[in-house]
Amino acid sequence: MSDNEIPLPDLNSADAPPLSDDVGYNEEEHASRIAADLEAVFDVPVQVSAVLGRSKMDVGELLKLGPGTVLELDRKVGEAIDIYVNNRLVARGEVVLVEDKLGVTMTEIIKSDRN
């Protein structure tokens, strides 16, 4: 074992941490431990995008766009929008107005299969 490696605990030993169905399990303590474990990544920047809809057009049509032009999107009013984190679809949500700013509230988390 090198100096940089940390030994993993033996989960089969008598002093292993309790499992979730044990009497001594405390959900709040477990959640705070998970949050503390994730603290190292709290400052990692990510790009979050909320996509209202998409539209395809030729470059000629694009050049004709100007102020006041209505661009038709592939979504209907009230339909869920897609929320991406680092170009990966992670959730769907709804547009909300908070004071004088637009925001997004998540209504569905998308589970992805990681290979």
PDB file of N, CA and C in Angstrom:
ATOM      1  N   MET A   1       0.856  -1.177   0.000  1.00  0.00           N
ATOM      2  CA  MET A   1       0.000   0.000   0.000  1.00  0.00           C
ATOM      3  C   MET A   1       0.897   1.233   0.000  1.00  0.00           C
ATOM      4  N   SER A   2       0.601   2.227  -0.863  1.00  0.00           N
ATOM      5  CA  SER A   2       1.404   3.440  -0.925  1.00  0.00           C
ATOM      6  C   SER A   2       0.989   4.415   0.172  1.00  0.00           C
ATOM      7  N   ASP A   3       1.769   5.488   0.328  1.00  0.00           N
ATOM      8  CA  ASP A   3       1.486   6.483   1.364  1.00  0.00           C
ATOM      9  C   ASP A   3       0.183   7.236   1.111  1.00  0.00           C
ATOM     10  N   ASN A   4      -0.268   7.306  -0.146  1.00  0.00           N
ATOM     11  CA  ASN A   4      -1.467   8.079  -0.495  1.00  0.00           C
ATOM     12  C   ASN A   4      -2.761   7.293  -0.329  1.00  0.00           C
ATOM     13  N   GLU A   5      -2.667   5.971  -0.141  1.00  0.00           N
ATOM     14  CA  GLU A   5      -3.867   5.156  -0.062  1.00  0.00           C
ATOM     15  C   GLU A   5      -4.402   5.109   1.365  1.00  0.00           C
ATOM     16  N   ILE A   6      -5.712   5.115   1.471  1.00  0.00           N
ATOM     17  CA  ILE A   6      -6.384   5.030   2.764  1.00  0.00           C
ATOM     18  C   ILE A   6      -7.008   3.649   2.872  1.00  0.00           C
ATOM     19  N   PRO A   7      -6.735   2.903   3.952  1.00  0.00           N
ATOM     20  CA  PRO A   7      -7.321   1.562   4.060  1.00  0.00           C
ATOM     21  C   PRO A   7      -8.827   1.638   4.236  1.00  0.00           C
ATOM     22  N   LEU A   8      -9.536   0.732   3.575  1.00  0.00           N
ATOM     23  CA  LEU A   8     -10.992   0.673   3.682  1.00  0.00           C
ATOM     24  C   LEU A   8     -11.380  -0.167   4.892  1.00  0.00           C
ATOM     25  N   PRO A   9     -12.468   0.170   5.572  1.00  0.00           N
ATOM     26  CA  PRO A   9     -12.879  -0.619   6.738  1.00  0.00           C
ATOM     27  C   PRO A   9     -13.412  -1.977   6.320  1.00  0.00           C
ATOM     28  N   ASP A  10     -13.268  -2.950   7.203  1.00  0.00           N
ATOM     29  CA  ASP A  10     -13.808  -4.276   6.978  1.00  0.00           C
ATOM     30  C   ASP A  10     -15.266  -4.262   7.420  1.00  0.00           C
ATOM     31  N   LEU A  11     -16.196  -4.273   6.477  1.00  0.00           N
ATOM     32  CA  LEU A  11     -17.623  -4.169   6.791  1.00  0.00           C
ATOM     33  C   LEU A  11     -18.181  -5.457   7.395  1.00  0.00           C
ATOM     34  N   ASN A  12     -17.399  -6.541   7.386  1.00  0.00           N
ATOM     35  CA  ASN A  12     -17.845  -7.801   7.970  1.00  0.00           C
ATOM     36  C   ASN A  12     -17.380  -7.965   9.413  1.00  0.00           C
ATOM     37  N   SER A  13     -16.588  -7.017   9.901  1.00  0.00           N
ATOM     38  CA  SER A  13     -16.072  -7.140  11.265  1.00  0.00           C
ATOM     39  C   SER A  13     -17.147  -6.779  12.285  1.00  0.00           C
ATOM     40  N   ALA A  14     -16.885  -7.114  13.539  1.00  0.00           N
ATOM     41  CA  ALA A  14     -17.849  -6.867  14.619  1.00  0.00           C
ATOM     42  C   ALA A  14     -18.036  -5.383  14.881  1.00  0.00           C
ATOM     43  N   ASP A  15     -17.028  -4.556  14.598  1.00  0.00           N
ATOM     44  CA  ASP A  15     -17.139  -3.115  14.866  1.00  0.00           C
ATOM     45  C   ASP A  15     -17.538  -2.327  13.617  1.00  0.00           C
ATOM     46  N   ALA A  16     -18.120  -3.003  12.619  1.00  0.00           N
ATOM     47  CA  ALA A  16     -18.581  -2.332  11.392  1.00  0.00           C
ATOM     48  C   ALA A  16     -19.741  -1.410  11.724  1.00  0.00           C
ATOM     49  N   PRO A  17     -19.914  -0.311  10.948  1.00  0.00           N
ATOM     50  CA  PRO A  17     -21.037   0.596  11.210  1.00  0.00           C
ATOM     51  C   PRO A  17     -22.364  -0.118  11.028  1.00  0.00           C
ATOM     52  N   PRO A  18     -23.406   0.286  11.761  1.00  0.00           N
ATOM     53  CA  PRO A  18     -24.706  -0.394  11.681  1.00  0.00           C
ATOM     54  C   PRO A  18     -25.361  -0.201  10.324  1.00  0.00           C
ATOM     55  N   LEU A  19     -26.134  -1.204   9.913  1.00  0.00           N
ATOM     56  CA  LEU A  19     -26.901  -1.119   8.679  1.00  0.00           C
ATOM     57  C   LEU A  19     -28.198  -0.383   8.943  1.00  0.00           C
ATOM     58  N   SER A  20     -28.901  -0.003   7.872  1.00  0.00           N
ATOM     59  CA  SER A  20     -30.093   0.826   8.012  1.00  0.00           C
ATOM     60  C   SER A  20     -31.223   0.141   8.780  1.00  0.00           C
ATOM     61  N   ASP A  21     -31.270  -1.192   8.814  1.00  0.00           N
ATOM     62  CA  ASP A  21     -32.357  -1.850   9.533  1.00  0.00           C
ATOM     63  C   ASP A  21     -31.990  -2.158  10.986  1.00  0.00           C
ATOM     64  N   ASP A  22     -30.820  -1.744  11.444  1.00  0.00           N
ATOM     65  CA  ASP A  22     -30.436  -1.929  12.836  1.00  0.00           C
ATOM     66  C   ASP A  22     -31.158  -0.924  13.721  1.00  0.00           C
ATOM     67  N   VAL A  23     -31.328  -1.267  14.992  1.00  0.00           N
ATOM     68  CA  VAL A  23     -32.037  -0.413  15.935  1.00  0.00           C
ATOM     69  C   VAL A  23     -31.310   0.915  16.136  1.00  0.00           C
ATOM     70  N   GLY A  24     -29.964   0.903  16.101  1.00  0.00           N
ATOM     71  CA  GLY A  24     -29.176   2.103  16.369  1.00  0.00           C
ATOM     72  C   GLY A  24     -29.071   3.052  15.189  1.00  0.00           C
ATOM     73  N   TYR A  25     -29.743   2.789  14.103  1.00  0.00           N
ATOM     74  CA  TYR A  25     -29.651   3.632  12.897  1.00  0.00           C
ATOM     75  C   TYR A  25     -30.374   4.953  13.097  1.00  0.00           C
ATOM     76  N   ASN A  26     -29.684   6.049  12.800  1.00  0.00           N
ATOM     77  CA  ASN A  26     -30.255   7.386  12.926  1.00  0.00           C
ATOM     78  C   ASN A  26     -30.206   8.048  11.550  1.00  0.00           C
ATOM     79  N   GLU A  27     -31.356   8.268  10.936  1.00  0.00           N
ATOM     80  CA  GLU A  27     -31.427   8.787   9.572  1.00  0.00           C
ATOM     81  C   GLU A  27     -30.818  10.182   9.454  1.00  0.00           C
ATOM     82  N   GLU A  28     -31.074  11.048  10.429  1.00  0.00           N
ATOM     83  CA  GLU A  28     -30.507  12.401  10.388  1.00  0.00           C
ATOM     84  C   GLU A  28     -28.991  12.365  10.468  1.00  0.00           C
ATOM     85  N   GLU A  29     -28.473  11.508  11.348  1.00  0.00           N
ATOM     86  CA  GLU A  29     -27.015  11.386  11.484  1.00  0.00           C
ATOM     87  C   GLU A  29     -26.412  10.858  10.188  1.00  0.00           C
ATOM     88  N   HIS A  30     -27.096   9.889   9.582  1.00  0.00           N
ATOM     89  CA  HIS A  30     -26.624   9.324   8.313  1.00  0.00           C
ATOM     90  C   HIS A  30     -26.606  10.400   7.225  1.00  0.00           C
ATOM     91  N   ALA A  31     -27.662  11.210   7.132  1.00  0.00           N
ATOM     92  CA  ALA A  31     -27.736  12.275   6.129  1.00  0.00           C
ATOM     93  C   ALA A  31     -26.644  13.315   6.349  1.00  0.00           C
ATOM     94  N   SER A  32     -26.368  13.663   7.604  1.00  0.00           N
ATOM     95  CA  SER A  32     -25.329  14.654   7.865  1.00  0.00           C
ATOM     96  C   SER A  32     -23.952  14.090   7.535  1.00  0.00           C
ATOM     97  N   ARG A  33     -23.763  12.770   7.731  1.00  0.00           N
ATOM     98  CA  ARG A  33     -22.496  12.141   7.362  1.00  0.00           C
ATOM     99  C   ARG A  33     -22.314  12.164   5.848  1.00  0.00           C
ATOM    100  N   ILE A  34     -23.380  11.903   5.105  1.00  0.00           N
ATOM    101  CA  ILE A  34     -23.308  11.936   3.645  1.00  0.00           C
ATOM    102  C   ILE A  34     -22.983  13.357   3.185  1.00  0.00           C
ATOM    103  N   ALA A  35     -23.638  14.361   3.770  1.00  0.00           N
ATOM    104  CA  ALA A  35     -23.369  15.748   3.416  1.00  0.00           C
ATOM    105  C   ALA A  35     -21.918  16.110   3.709  1.00  0.00           C
ATOM    106  N   ALA A  36     -21.391  15.655   4.833  1.00  0.00           N
ATOM    107  CA  ALA A  36     -19.996  15.934   5.182  1.00  0.00           C
ATOM    108  C   ALA A  36     -19.053  15.259   4.188  1.00  0.00           C
ATOM    109  N   ASP A  37     -19.398  14.054   3.742  1.00  0.00           N
ATOM    110  CA  ASP A  37     -18.573  13.351   2.755  1.00  0.00           C
ATOM    111  C   ASP A  37     -18.559  14.085   1.420  1.00  0.00           C
ATOM    112  N   LEU A  38     -19.667  14.731   1.084  1.00  0.00           N
ATOM    113  CA  LEU A  38     -19.764  15.450  -0.193  1.00  0.00           C
ATOM    114  C   LEU A  38     -19.183  16.856  -0.134  1.00  0.00           C
ATOM    115  N   GLU A  39     -18.828  17.326   1.044  1.00  0.00           N
ATOM    116  CA  GLU A  39     -18.355  18.692   1.208  1.00  0.00           C
ATOM    117  C   GLU A  39     -17.176  19.017   0.294  1.00  0.00           C
ATOM    118  N   ALA A  40     -16.366  18.031  -0.038  1.00  0.00           N
ATOM    119  CA  ALA A  40     -15.202  18.252  -0.891  1.00  0.00           C
ATOM    120  C   ALA A  40     -15.599  18.702  -2.298  1.00  0.00           C
ATOM    121  N   VAL A  41     -16.812  18.385  -2.747  1.00  0.00           N
ATOM    122  CA  VAL A  41     -17.218  18.750  -4.109  1.00  0.00           C
ATOM    123  C   VAL A  41     -18.173  19.942  -4.141  1.00  0.00           C
ATOM    124  N   PHE A  42     -18.478  20.538  -2.997  1.00  0.00           N
ATOM    125  CA  PHE A  42     -19.420  21.657  -2.955  1.00  0.00           C
ATOM    126  C   PHE A  42     -18.969  22.841  -3.800  1.00  0.00           C
ATOM    127  N   ASP A  43     -17.677  23.058  -3.960  1.00  0.00           N
ATOM    128  CA  ASP A  43     -17.168  24.213  -4.701  1.00  0.00           C
ATOM    129  C   ASP A  43     -16.857  23.907  -6.160  1.00  0.00           C
ATOM    130  N   VAL A  44     -17.188  22.711  -6.643  1.00  0.00           N
ATOM    131  CA  VAL A  44     -16.944  22.359  -8.040  1.00  0.00           C
ATOM    132  C   VAL A  44     -18.003  23.045  -8.900  1.00  0.00           C
ATOM    133  N   PRO A  45     -17.574  23.877  -9.858  1.00  0.00           N
ATOM    134  CA  PRO A  45     -18.561  24.569 -10.692  1.00  0.00           C
ATOM    135  C   PRO A  45     -19.204  23.635 -11.713  1.00  0.00           C
ATOM    136  N   VAL A  46     -20.498  23.806 -11.933  1.00  0.00           N
ATOM    137  CA  VAL A  46     -21.229  23.053 -12.956  1.00  0.00           C
ATOM    138  C   VAL A  46     -22.051  24.042 -13.767  1.00  0.00           C
ATOM    139  N   GLN A  47     -22.374  23.653 -14.985  1.00  0.00           N
ATOM    140  CA  GLN A  47     -23.205  24.489 -15.848  1.00  0.00           C
ATOM    141  C   GLN A  47     -24.623  23.933 -15.829  1.00  0.00           C
ATOM    142  N   VAL A  48     -25.584  24.754 -15.426  1.00  0.00           N
ATOM    143  CA  VAL A  48     -26.984  24.346 -15.374  1.00  0.00           C
ATOM    144  C   VAL A  48     -27.741  25.096 -16.466  1.00  0.00           C
ATOM    145  N   SER A  49     -28.490  24.354 -17.281  1.00  0.00           N
ATOM    146  CA  SER A  49     -29.272  24.953 -18.366  1.00  0.00           C
ATOM    147  C   SER A  49     -30.716  24.494 -18.250  1.00  0.00           C
ATOM    148  N   ALA A  50     -31.637  25.421 -18.456  1.00  0.00           N
ATOM    149  CA  ALA A  50     -33.062  25.104 -18.506  1.00  0.00           C
ATOM    150  C   ALA A  50     -33.520  25.379 -19.936  1.00  0.00           C
ATOM    151  N   VAL A  51     -33.930  24.335 -20.642  1.00  0.00           N
ATOM    152  CA  VAL A  51     -34.275  24.448 -22.058  1.00  0.00           C
ATOM    153  C   VAL A  51     -35.785  24.538 -22.201  1.00  0.00           C
ATOM    154  N   LEU A  52     -36.250  25.692 -22.660  1.00  0.00           N
ATOM    155  CA  LEU A  52     -37.686  25.917 -22.869  1.00  0.00           C
ATOM    156  C   LEU A  52     -38.204  25.165 -24.081  1.00  0.00           C
ATOM    157  N   GLY A  53     -37.369  25.032 -25.103  1.00  0.00           N
ATOM    158  CA  GLY A  53     -37.760  24.361 -26.330  1.00  0.00           C
ATOM    159  C   GLY A  53     -36.687  24.554 -27.376  1.00  0.00           C
ATOM    160  N   ARG A  54     -36.887  23.946 -28.529  1.00  0.00           N
ATOM    161  CA  ARG A  54     -35.910  24.024 -29.614  1.00  0.00           C
ATOM    162  C   ARG A  54     -36.624  24.357 -30.918  1.00  0.00           C
ATOM    163  N   SER A  55     -35.845  24.881 -31.854  1.00  0.00           N
ATOM    164  CA  SER A  55     -36.369  25.199 -33.172  1.00  0.00           C
ATOM    165  C   SER A  55     -35.251  25.017 -34.187  1.00  0.00           C
ATOM    166  N   LYS A  56     -35.589  24.504 -35.369  1.00  0.00           N
ATOM    167  CA  LYS A  56     -34.604  24.349 -36.444  1.00  0.00           C
ATOM    168  C   LYS A  56     -34.960  25.304 -37.567  1.00  0.00           C
ATOM    169  N   MET A  57     -33.925  25.903 -38.146  1.00  0.00           N
ATOM    170  CA  MET A  57     -34.141  26.799 -39.280  1.00  0.00           C
ATOM    171  C   MET A  57     -32.868  26.890 -40.099  1.00  0.00           C
ATOM    172  N   ASP A  58     -33.020  27.363 -41.319  1.00  0.00           N
ATOM    173  CA  ASP A  58     -31.871  27.592 -42.181  1.00  0.00           C
ATOM    174  C   ASP A  58     -31.183  28.884 -41.768  1.00  0.00           C
ATOM    175  N   VAL A  59     -29.927  29.017 -42.160  1.00  0.00           N
ATOM    176  CA  VAL A  59     -29.165  30.219 -41.828  1.00  0.00           C
ATOM    177  C   VAL A  59     -29.847  31.461 -42.416  1.00  0.00           C
ATOM    178  N   GLY A  60     -30.428  31.328 -43.590  1.00  0.00           N
ATOM    179  CA  GLY A  60     -31.123  32.461 -44.213  1.00  0.00           C
ATOM    180  C   GLY A  60     -32.279  32.950 -43.355  1.00  0.00           C
ATOM    181  N   GLU A  61     -33.044  32.011 -42.787  1.00  0.00           N
ATOM    182  CA  GLU A  61     -34.144  32.371 -41.896  1.00  0.00           C
ATOM    183  C   GLU A  61     -33.611  33.022 -40.619  1.00  0.00           C
ATOM    184  N   LEU A  62     -32.518  32.479 -40.109  1.00  0.00           N
ATOM    185  CA  LEU A  62     -31.915  33.013 -38.888  1.00  0.00           C
ATOM    186  C   LEU A  62     -31.489  34.469 -39.079  1.00  0.00           C
ATOM    187  N   LEU A  63     -30.921  34.771 -40.229  1.00  0.00           N
ATOM    188  CA  LEU A  63     -30.455  36.135 -40.502  1.00  0.00           C
ATOM    189  C   LEU A  63     -31.607  37.126 -40.646  1.00  0.00           C
ATOM    190  N   LYS A  64     -32.802  36.629 -40.936  1.00  0.00           N
ATOM    191  CA  LYS A  64     -33.968  37.497 -41.077  1.00  0.00           C
ATOM    192  C   LYS A  64     -34.625  37.838 -39.738  1.00  0.00           C
ATOM    193  N   LEU A  65     -34.218  37.157 -38.656  1.00  0.00           N
ATOM    194  CA  LEU A  65     -34.808  37.430 -37.347  1.00  0.00           C
ATOM    195  C   LEU A  65     -34.436  38.822 -36.868  1.00  0.00           C
ATOM    196  N   GLY A  66     -35.363  39.466 -36.217  1.00  0.00           N
ATOM    197  CA  GLY A  66     -35.111  40.797 -35.679  1.00  0.00           C
ATOM    198  C   GLY A  66     -35.927  41.005 -34.415  1.00  0.00           C
ATOM    199  N   PRO A  67     -35.809  42.185 -33.826  1.00  0.00           N
ATOM    200  CA  PRO A  67     -36.585  42.479 -32.619  1.00  0.00           C
ATOM    201  C   PRO A  67     -38.078  42.296 -32.876  1.00  0.00           C
ATOM    202  N   GLY A  68     -38.758  41.628 -31.951  1.00  0.00           N
ATOM    203  CA  GLY A  68     -40.194  41.406 -32.074  1.00  0.00           C
ATOM    204  C   GLY A  68     -40.565  40.148 -32.830  1.00  0.00           C
ATOM    205  N   THR A  69     -39.595  39.462 -33.409  1.00  0.00           N
ATOM    206  CA  THR A  69     -39.884  38.222 -34.120  1.00  0.00           C
ATOM    207  C   THR A  69     -40.279  37.136 -33.122  1.00  0.00           C
ATOM    208  N   VAL A  70     -41.344  36.412 -33.453  1.00  0.00           N
ATOM    209  CA  VAL A  70     -41.774  35.294 -32.612  1.00  0.00           C
ATOM    210  C   VAL A  70     -41.167  34.028 -33.186  1.00  0.00           C
ATOM    211  N   LEU A  71     -40.446  33.311 -32.335  1.00  0.00           N
ATOM    212  CA  LEU A  71     -39.792  32.077 -32.749  1.00  0.00           C
ATOM    213  C   LEU A  71     -40.581  30.903 -32.181  1.00  0.00           C
ATOM    214  N   GLU A  72     -41.118  30.064 -33.053  1.00  0.00           N
ATOM    215  CA  GLU A  72     -41.922  28.930 -32.616  1.00  0.00           C
ATOM    216  C   GLU A  72     -41.013  27.815 -32.114  1.00  0.00           C
ATOM    217  N   LEU A  73     -41.310  27.312 -30.908  1.00  0.00           N
ATOM    218  CA  LEU A  73     -40.530  26.237 -30.315  1.00  0.00           C
ATOM    219  C   LEU A  73     -41.297  24.926 -30.418  1.00  0.00           C
ATOM    220  N   ASP A  74     -40.620  23.818 -30.103  1.00  0.00           N
ATOM    221  CA  ASP A  74     -41.233  22.497 -30.223  1.00  0.00           C
ATOM    222  C   ASP A  74     -41.996  22.079 -28.966  1.00  0.00           C
ATOM    223  N   ARG A  75     -42.305  23.017 -28.082  1.00  0.00           N
ATOM    224  CA  ARG A  75     -43.037  22.715 -26.846  1.00  0.00           C
ATOM    225  C   ARG A  75     -44.318  23.531 -26.803  1.00  0.00           C
ATOM    226  N   LYS A  76     -45.264  23.023 -26.019  1.00  0.00           N
ATOM    227  CA  LYS A  76     -46.528  23.739 -25.822  1.00  0.00           C
ATOM    228  C   LYS A  76     -46.466  24.500 -24.502  1.00  0.00           C
ATOM    229  N   VAL A  77     -47.308  25.505 -24.341  1.00  0.00           N
ATOM    230  CA  VAL A  77     -47.395  26.262 -23.103  1.00  0.00           C
ATOM    231  C   VAL A  77     -47.773  25.325 -21.966  1.00  0.00           C
ATOM    232  N   GLY A  78     -47.069  25.403 -20.859  1.00  0.00           N
ATOM    233  CA  GLY A  78     -47.345  24.563 -19.704  1.00  0.00           C
ATOM    234  C   GLY A  78     -46.640  23.219 -19.721  1.00  0.00           C
ATOM    235  N   GLU A  79     -46.008  22.870 -20.841  1.00  0.00           N
ATOM    236  CA  GLU A  79     -45.279  21.603 -20.921  1.00  0.00           C
ATOM    237  C   GLU A  79     -43.977  21.721 -20.133  1.00  0.00           C
ATOM    238  N   ALA A  80     -43.542  20.630 -19.526  1.00  0.00           N
ATOM    239  CA  ALA A  80     -42.322  20.627 -18.708  1.00  0.00           C
ATOM    240  C   ALA A  80     -41.104  21.013 -19.548  1.00  0.00           C
ATOM    241  N   ILE A  81     -40.185  21.721 -18.904  1.00  0.00           N
ATOM    242  CA  ILE A  81     -38.931  22.074 -19.573  1.00  0.00           C
ATOM    243  C   ILE A  81     -37.840  21.118 -19.108  1.00  0.00           C
ATOM    244  N   ASP A  82     -36.789  20.989 -19.898  1.00  0.00           N
ATOM    245  CA  ASP A  82     -35.684  20.095 -19.566  1.00  0.00           C
ATOM    246  C   ASP A  82     -34.611  20.862 -18.811  1.00  0.00           C
ATOM    247  N   ILE A  83     -34.062  20.240 -17.763  1.00  0.00           N
ATOM    248  CA  ILE A  83     -32.999  20.840 -16.965  1.00  0.00           C
ATOM    249  C   ILE A  83     -31.755  19.975 -17.145  1.00  0.00           C
ATOM    250  N   TYR A  84     -30.695  20.605 -17.628  1.00  0.00           N
ATOM    251  CA  TYR A  84     -29.436  19.916 -17.887  1.00  0.00           C
ATOM    252  C   TYR A  84     -28.373  20.405 -16.910  1.00  0.00           C
ATOM    253  N   VAL A  85     -27.520  19.493 -16.460  1.00  0.00           N
ATOM    254  CA  VAL A  85     -26.329  19.844 -15.694  1.00  0.00           C
ATOM    255  C   VAL A  85     -25.147  19.289 -16.475  1.00  0.00           C
ATOM    256  N   ASN A  86     -24.257  20.190 -16.871  1.00  0.00           N
ATOM    257  CA  ASN A  86     -23.108  19.810 -17.709  1.00  0.00           C
ATOM    258  C   ASN A  86     -23.556  18.988 -18.923  1.00  0.00           C
ATOM    259  N   ASN A  87     -24.570  19.487 -19.620  1.00  0.00           N
ATOM    260  CA  ASN A  87     -25.104  18.891 -20.846  1.00  0.00           C
ATOM    261  C   ASN A  87     -25.705  17.497 -20.658  1.00  0.00           C
ATOM    262  N   ARG A  88     -26.048  17.143 -19.428  1.00  0.00           N
ATOM    263  CA  ARG A  88     -26.707  15.859 -19.155  1.00  0.00           C
ATOM    264  C   ARG A  88     -28.090  16.157 -18.587  1.00  0.00           C
ATOM    265  N   LEU A  89     -29.124  15.560 -19.197  1.00  0.00           N
ATOM    266  CA  LEU A  89     -30.488  15.747 -18.725  1.00  0.00           C
ATOM    267  C   LEU A  89     -30.625  15.137 -17.338  1.00  0.00           C
ATOM    268  N   VAL A  90     -30.983  15.960 -16.339  1.00  0.00           N
ATOM    269  CA  VAL A  90     -31.092  15.463 -14.968  1.00  0.00           C
ATOM    270  C   VAL A  90     -32.492  15.635 -14.382  1.00  0.00           C
ATOM    271  N   ALA A  91     -33.290  16.545 -14.958  1.00  0.00           N
ATOM    272  CA  ALA A  91     -34.608  16.790 -14.376  1.00  0.00           C
ATOM    273  C   ALA A  91     -35.519  17.474 -15.391  1.00  0.00           C
ATOM    274  N   ARG A  92     -36.794  17.524 -15.035  1.00  0.00           N
ATOM    275  CA  ARG A  92     -37.783  18.316 -15.779  1.00  0.00           C
ATOM    276  C   ARG A  92     -38.434  19.242 -14.773  1.00  0.00           C
ATOM    277  N   GLY A  93     -38.936  20.367 -15.245  1.00  0.00           N
ATOM    278  CA  GLY A  93     -39.515  21.312 -14.312  1.00  0.00           C
ATOM    279  C   GLY A  93     -40.441  22.298 -14.970  1.00  0.00           C
ATOM    280  N   GLU A  94     -40.824  23.303 -14.171  1.00  0.00           N
ATOM    281  CA  GLU A  94     -41.735  24.352 -14.632  1.00  0.00           C
ATOM    282  C   GLU A  94     -41.092  25.701 -14.413  1.00  0.00           C
ATOM    283  N   VAL A  95     -41.407  26.634 -15.295  1.00  0.00           N
ATOM    284  CA  VAL A  95     -40.917  28.005 -15.152  1.00  0.00           C
ATOM    285  C   VAL A  95     -41.743  28.695 -14.075  1.00  0.00           C
ATOM    286  N   VAL A  96     -41.064  29.412 -13.178  1.00  0.00           N
ATOM    287  CA  VAL A  96     -41.738  30.160 -12.127  1.00  0.00           C
ATOM    288  C   VAL A  96     -41.203  31.583 -12.118  1.00  0.00           C
ATOM    289  N   LEU A  97     -41.988  32.488 -11.561  1.00  0.00           N
ATOM    290  CA  LEU A  97     -41.579  33.879 -11.418  1.00  0.00           C
ATOM    291  C   LEU A  97     -41.336  34.132  -9.930  1.00  0.00           C
ATOM    292  N   VAL A  98     -40.112  34.542  -9.589  1.00  0.00           N
ATOM    293  CA  VAL A  98     -39.746  34.848  -8.210  1.00  0.00           C
ATOM    294  C   VAL A  98     -39.364  36.319  -8.176  1.00  0.00           C
ATOM    295  N   GLU A  99     -40.222  37.120  -7.531  1.00  0.00           N
ATOM    296  CA  GLU A  99     -40.099  38.576  -7.549  1.00  0.00           C
ATOM    297  C   GLU A  99     -40.071  39.022  -9.003  1.00  0.00           C
ATOM    298  N   ASP A 100     -38.959  39.556  -9.506  1.00  0.00           N
ATOM    299  CA  ASP A 100     -38.923  40.001 -10.903  1.00  0.00           C
ATOM    300  C   ASP A 100     -37.996  39.140 -11.757  1.00  0.00           C
ATOM    301  N   LYS A 101     -37.702  37.924 -11.295  1.00  0.00           N
ATOM    302  CA  LYS A 101     -36.786  37.044 -12.028  1.00  0.00           C
ATOM    303  C   LYS A 101     -37.467  35.719 -12.367  1.00  0.00           C
ATOM    304  N   LEU A 102     -37.063  35.155 -13.502  1.00  0.00           N
ATOM    305  CA  LEU A 102     -37.553  33.842 -13.883  1.00  0.00           C
ATOM    306  C   LEU A 102     -36.728  32.778 -13.173  1.00  0.00           C
ATOM    307  N   GLY A 103     -37.362  31.700 -12.828  1.00  0.00           N
ATOM    308  CA  GLY A 103     -36.681  30.579 -12.203  1.00  0.00           C
ATOM    309  C   GLY A 103     -37.293  29.287 -12.690  1.00  0.00           C
ATOM    310  N   VAL A 104     -36.777  28.189 -12.169  1.00  0.00           N
ATOM    311  CA  VAL A 104     -37.275  26.867 -12.537  1.00  0.00           C
ATOM    312  C   VAL A 104     -37.463  26.062 -11.271  1.00  0.00           C
ATOM    313  N   THR A 105     -38.588  25.407 -11.158  1.00  0.00           N
ATOM    314  CA  THR A 105     -38.801  24.476 -10.063  1.00  0.00           C
ATOM    315  C   THR A 105     -38.801  23.063 -10.644  1.00  0.00           C
ATOM    316  N   MET A 106     -38.043  22.163 -10.022  1.00  0.00           N
ATOM    317  CA  MET A 106     -37.951  20.788 -10.523  1.00  0.00           C
ATOM    318  C   MET A 106     -39.192  20.007 -10.116  1.00  0.00           C
ATOM    319  N   THR A 107     -39.778  19.328 -11.069  1.00  0.00           N
ATOM    320  CA  THR A 107     -40.964  18.519 -10.802  1.00  0.00           C
ATOM    321  C   THR A 107     -40.688  17.029 -10.966  1.00  0.00           C
ATOM    322  N   GLU A 108     -39.576  16.695 -11.637  1.00  0.00           N
ATOM    323  CA  GLU A 108     -39.245  15.289 -11.897  1.00  0.00           C
ATOM    324  C   GLU A 108     -37.738  15.154 -12.021  1.00  0.00           C
ATOM    325  N   ILE A 109     -37.164  14.205 -11.293  1.00  0.00           N
ATOM    326  CA  ILE A 109     -35.742  13.906 -11.408  1.00  0.00           C
ATOM    327  C   ILE A 109     -35.595  12.749 -12.384  1.00  0.00           C
ATOM    328  N   ILE A 110     -34.678  12.896 -13.326  1.00  0.00           N
ATOM    329  CA  ILE A 110     -34.455  11.862 -14.338  1.00  0.00           C
ATOM    330  C   ILE A 110     -33.319  10.965 -13.855  1.00  0.00           C
ATOM    331  N   LYS A 111     -33.623   9.686 -13.701  1.00  0.00           N
ATOM    332  CA  LYS A 111     -32.582   8.722 -13.304  1.00  0.00           C
ATOM    333  C   LYS A 111     -31.924   8.201 -14.571  1.00  0.00           C
ATOM    334  N   SER A 112     -30.592   8.227 -14.573  1.00  0.00           N
ATOM    335  CA  SER A 112     -29.884   7.743 -15.753  1.00  0.00           C
ATOM    336  C   SER A 112     -29.101   6.492 -15.405  1.00  0.00           C
ATOM    337  N   ASP A 113     -28.954   5.623 -16.380  1.00  0.00           N
ATOM    338  CA  ASP A 113     -28.141   4.415 -16.198  1.00  0.00           C
ATOM    339  C   ASP A 113     -26.705   4.782 -16.487  1.00  0.00           C
ATOM    340  N   ARG A 114     -25.859   4.644 -15.475  1.00  0.00           N
ATOM    341  CA  ARG A 114     -24.440   4.951 -15.658  1.00  0.00           C
ATOM    342  C   ARG A 114     -23.696   3.672 -15.967  1.00  0.00           C
ATOM    343  N   ASN A 115     -22.898   3.721 -17.011  1.00  0.00           N
ATOM    344  CA  ASN A 115     -22.125   2.533 -17.419  1.00  0.00           C
ATOM    345  C   ASN A 115     -20.728   2.610 -16.871  1.00  0.00           C
TER     346      ASN A 115
END
